[in-house]
Amino acid sequence: MDALVTDVTIWERLLLKAGYRRSVASFYTTKYSLLDAPIAFKDADVPRVRLVDRGVRQLRYVAELEEDKAMGADEWKTALAAFVNAG
């Protein structure tokens, strides 16, 4: 993966920020792979709780997202690039 990056300094900084340490890389043995392509939604398309009664300390909810509102591949790549470059 290192050979694919254009800026090694930024790459190393992101690895450290994520908690990755090359000195203990031999302990990272679990391999993962994507089963499905990632799907992302615009913030405005994600339902949210707007008002919570006084006294409520914790709140958990499950949102149903409409797949037809998912970002297209180009839009998703642009959003991801903006997120990564923000760090």
Protein backbone atom coordinates (compact mmCIF):
# COMPACT_ATOMS: atom_id res chain seq x y z
CA MET A 1 0.00 0.00 0.00
CA ASP A 2 2.87 2.40 0.73
CA ALA A 3 3.90 2.33 -2.94
CA LEU A 4 0.48 3.66 -3.99
CA VAL A 5 0.55 6.93 -2.01
CA THR A 6 1.82 10.18 -3.48
CA ASP A 7 2.74 11.88 -0.19
CA VAL A 8 4.43 9.52 2.26
CA THR A 9 4.48 12.11 5.07
CA ILE A 10 0.71 12.58 5.00
CA TRP A 11 0.23 8.80 4.73
CA GLU A 12 2.38 8.16 7.80
CA ARG A 13 0.56 10.88 9.74
CA LEU A 14 -2.81 9.32 8.88
CA LEU A 15 -1.58 5.87 9.92
CA LEU A 16 -0.41 7.24 13.27
CA LYS A 17 -3.68 9.12 13.74
CA ALA A 18 -5.56 5.85 13.16
CA GLY A 19 -3.43 4.12 15.80
CA TYR A 20 -1.28 2.04 13.44
CA ARG A 21 2.28 1.46 14.62
CA ARG A 22 4.83 -0.10 12.28
CA SER A 23 6.84 -1.34 15.27
CA VAL A 24 4.04 -3.78 16.16
CA ALA A 25 2.82 -4.52 12.63
CA SER A 26 3.57 -8.23 13.07
CA PHE A 27 0.73 -8.37 15.64
CA TYR A 28 -1.82 -7.11 13.08
CA THR A 29 -2.82 -10.49 11.70
CA THR A 30 -6.55 -10.18 11.05
CA LYS A 31 -7.29 -9.53 7.40
CA TYR A 32 -10.55 -7.93 6.34
CA SER A 33 -12.11 -7.46 2.94
CA LEU A 34 -15.18 -5.60 1.78
CA LEU A 35 -18.17 -7.77 1.05
CA ASP A 36 -20.11 -4.96 -0.61
CA ALA A 37 -19.16 -1.64 -2.14
CA PRO A 38 -19.30 1.25 0.35
CA ILE A 39 -22.49 3.29 0.32
CA ALA A 40 -22.60 6.89 1.54
CA PHE A 41 -25.32 9.48 2.01
CA LYS A 42 -25.37 13.26 2.16
CA ASP A 43 -25.75 14.60 5.67
CA ALA A 44 -29.12 16.14 4.77
CA ASP A 45 -30.47 12.72 3.74
CA VAL A 46 -29.72 11.08 7.10
CA PRO A 47 -32.68 11.32 9.52
CA ARG A 48 -31.87 12.69 12.94
CA VAL A 49 -33.49 13.44 16.26
CA ARG A 50 -34.28 17.16 16.40
CA LEU A 51 -35.72 17.52 19.89
CA VAL A 52 -35.13 15.52 23.06
CA ASP A 53 -37.17 15.84 26.23
CA ARG A 54 -35.48 17.32 29.28
CA GLY A 55 -33.90 14.67 31.46
CA VAL A 56 -32.99 12.31 28.64
CA ARG A 57 -29.31 11.43 29.08
CA GLN A 58 -28.77 8.83 26.37
CA LEU A 59 -30.48 8.32 23.08
CA ARG A 60 -30.01 5.65 20.44
CA TYR A 61 -31.90 5.32 17.22
CA VAL A 62 -31.85 3.33 14.00
CA ALA A 63 -32.33 5.25 10.76
CA GLU A 64 -33.70 3.77 7.58
CA LEU A 65 -31.89 5.25 4.59
CA GLU A 66 -33.32 5.25 1.11
CA GLU A 67 -30.83 3.56 -1.20
CA ASP A 68 -31.87 5.71 -4.16
CA LYS A 69 -30.57 8.77 -2.25
CA ALA A 70 -27.08 7.29 -1.90
CA MET A 71 -24.19 9.26 -3.38
CA GLY A 72 -22.92 8.22 -6.79
CA ALA A 73 -19.35 6.95 -7.13
CA ASP A 74 -17.90 10.30 -8.29
CA GLU A 75 -19.70 12.28 -5.60
CA TRP A 76 -18.59 9.79 -2.95
CA LYS A 77 -14.95 9.99 -4.08
CA THR A 78 -15.05 13.79 -3.94
CA ALA A 79 -16.55 13.75 -0.44
CA LEU A 80 -14.00 11.18 0.75
CA ALA A 81 -11.11 13.19 -0.67
CA ALA A 82 -12.35 16.32 1.13
CA PHE A 83 -12.63 14.36 4.40
CA VAL A 84 -9.15 12.83 4.09
CA ASN A 85 -7.53 16.13 3.10
CA ALA A 86 -9.14 17.88 6.06
CA GLY A 87 -6.87 15.96 8.46
